[in-house]
Each structure stands twice: as structure tokens, then as C-alpha cells.
């Protein structure tokens, strides 16, 4: 019973172990205080307040006077307690000093702060891996004002000076472990991106994430072509093969350089004023649903152009005709300048962060 109360107290204080176990030190101090208080109440017949006072001055060794004359049994009892308390107090002070000197106290405070920020998130993105691809993903999420949590096993990688000003929310741990994903709020997240170097690790993360949150959009990196099908079967919404995309891009620069350079310009958000937007069926006002493109008046009202129609089977129709109609579960892909995209959102009353 006593051990259970102490354990709950430690959990409430969120005290974790050091090489000198601070948790054990707290248990020893509390245990000694309980034993001394109860012992004095039984042996000397003290009330709780007097017994606790005697316990406090014994543990602290301040040397104040006794509440009353102790019996021989009481003196023997306190003598044994004092001998043991010398070791307990010395251990507790050493553990606490280590906790402060080694920076564990501030580390714990920083951990608590980050965890509180994670607990407040909902509909965020989890980024697994903070290597080259993870950093590029993070830059994009920052530019778009998206909430996200980074998971990586090495704190040194996450504390990159480039991102210091952004005060990233991160967790140091192995993303293949369910408890780490839960700590990052996978059950409340809207999406997860895993960009680890090892395909098997990405597969394991996708399996775990899909089990923990069936509705999340899962995007995975893959190095091997054979891994792609396995990741899709495991529950990945999208699988990206950077080497394949890079090879296609370089080859196309030879055959169609102008087209690729234009696409590169469009996707460079720092230099380009062009943006893309996906209009979901549910985002259309009710009076515009089941209406053909010609009746939506998107170009007249905002200036954007519809360049793609994502069908319910996941396939795309490029440059859909004026009679194309958006059905439930489908979406239109539009392109336009940033002012035109903003005008579109205002016209359709699409809320953004």
C-alpha cells in the first residue's frame, strides 16, 4: 500500500531515474518519515502532529528540543532511525545534486514543457526521422504553418542550429515503438511521414501507426522498389521513392528542359507566386455540389484553373472538361497565383490556419 502511494507520487512529480536514482532517494525519505512517525505514535503515544514534528527535526538534524521526555524504548528507536537517516539523507542529497549539476533538472523541465505542447495538439503531423528528407519536410511544414512533432533517436540531429529559432516540438526515441508514437499523439494526428533510411523501419512504423490511428494519412519513404508494395499493403497512403523521382527529373531535363524548369519554378515557393490547392467535395458549399465545372465559376470568381480531377478510384483526369462533376470522395486540383488561391478560399469559405 505504502509503496503504491509513493509510486503514484513519483509518477505525479514525473521524476525519472539518474545514475544516482532520485526516485529511490525520494522513496527512502518518505518511507523513513512514515516509519518514524508511526513508530513514535505507537511507542510514545504521541499524536500525529507531535510525532510528525519529531520526525521532521530528526530527518533534518536541526537539533530542536524534544516534544517530551522519551522512554528508553523511544530513545533506542530514534537512535536506530538516526543512524539509518544519516545514510538516507546523504544519498538523497547526492542524488539531488547530481540531478541539478548534470542538468537533469532543466532537462526534465524542458521535457515536461514539450510534452505539454504535444498534448495540446490535434490534427497535427508526425515526422519520423530528422535526416536530409526529414529536415526538408520540416522546412515545408514550417512555411505552411502546420503543427507537427519530430521523432528521432539522436537529439544532436534535432537541435540543428538552422531550426533553433523555431523551437521545434520533438521526441527523442525510436519511432518503431508504439509508446513513442503514442507519446507524439498518433491517436490525435491527421498524418504521419516516415523518412527513415531503412525500409524495414518505415514498414514497421506504418504498421504501428495504421493500427493506432486507422484514419491517419501515412506517407512513407522507400529505397527499394519491392518495398513499395509491402508499405502499401501495410497501410501507407502514399509511398515516395526519392531516387526514382530524382532520376526521372534529371532525364526529363534532357528531353523536356523547358517543361521541367517551369515545374521547378512553380514548386519553388520562395521565388514563385504560383500555388496549388485541392478542393474536396465536402469543401464545396451545398449549392455548388453535384454541379459541373462550368457552373462553379471558379475562374470568374478567383482566377484559378482546374488542372486535375481526382476520381474515387484514386486515378486522375487531367484538364477535365466543363461538364465534369465532383462527386463525394473526389477532388479537383487547381493552380493559380497566391492572391488567386486566397480568393478561391474566400469564395468557397475554406478555412485555413
Foldseek 3Di string as FASTA:
>chain_A
DLVVVLVVVCVVVVQAQDVLGLSVLSSVLVVLLVCQQVVCCVQVVDDNVLSSVVSVCLLVVPDDDHPDDDDPVNVVVSVVSSVVSVVSVVSNVVRVVCCVVVCVVVVSVVVVVLLVVLVPDFQAEEEEDLDPVSVVVVVVCVVQVTDYEYEEQDVVSVVPVVCVVVPHRYDHDQLLDLVVCVSNPLLRYQEYEYEDPDLVSQQSNLLSSCVSHVRHAYEYEDADPVSQVSSVVSPHNYYDHVVVVVVVLVVCCVVPVVVSVVVVQQPPVVRHQKDKDKFAQVLADPVCAQAFQLVVCLCVQQNKAFQWKQDQVRDIDGRDDRRDHHDHNIITMIMDGNSSVVSSCVVSVPDGD
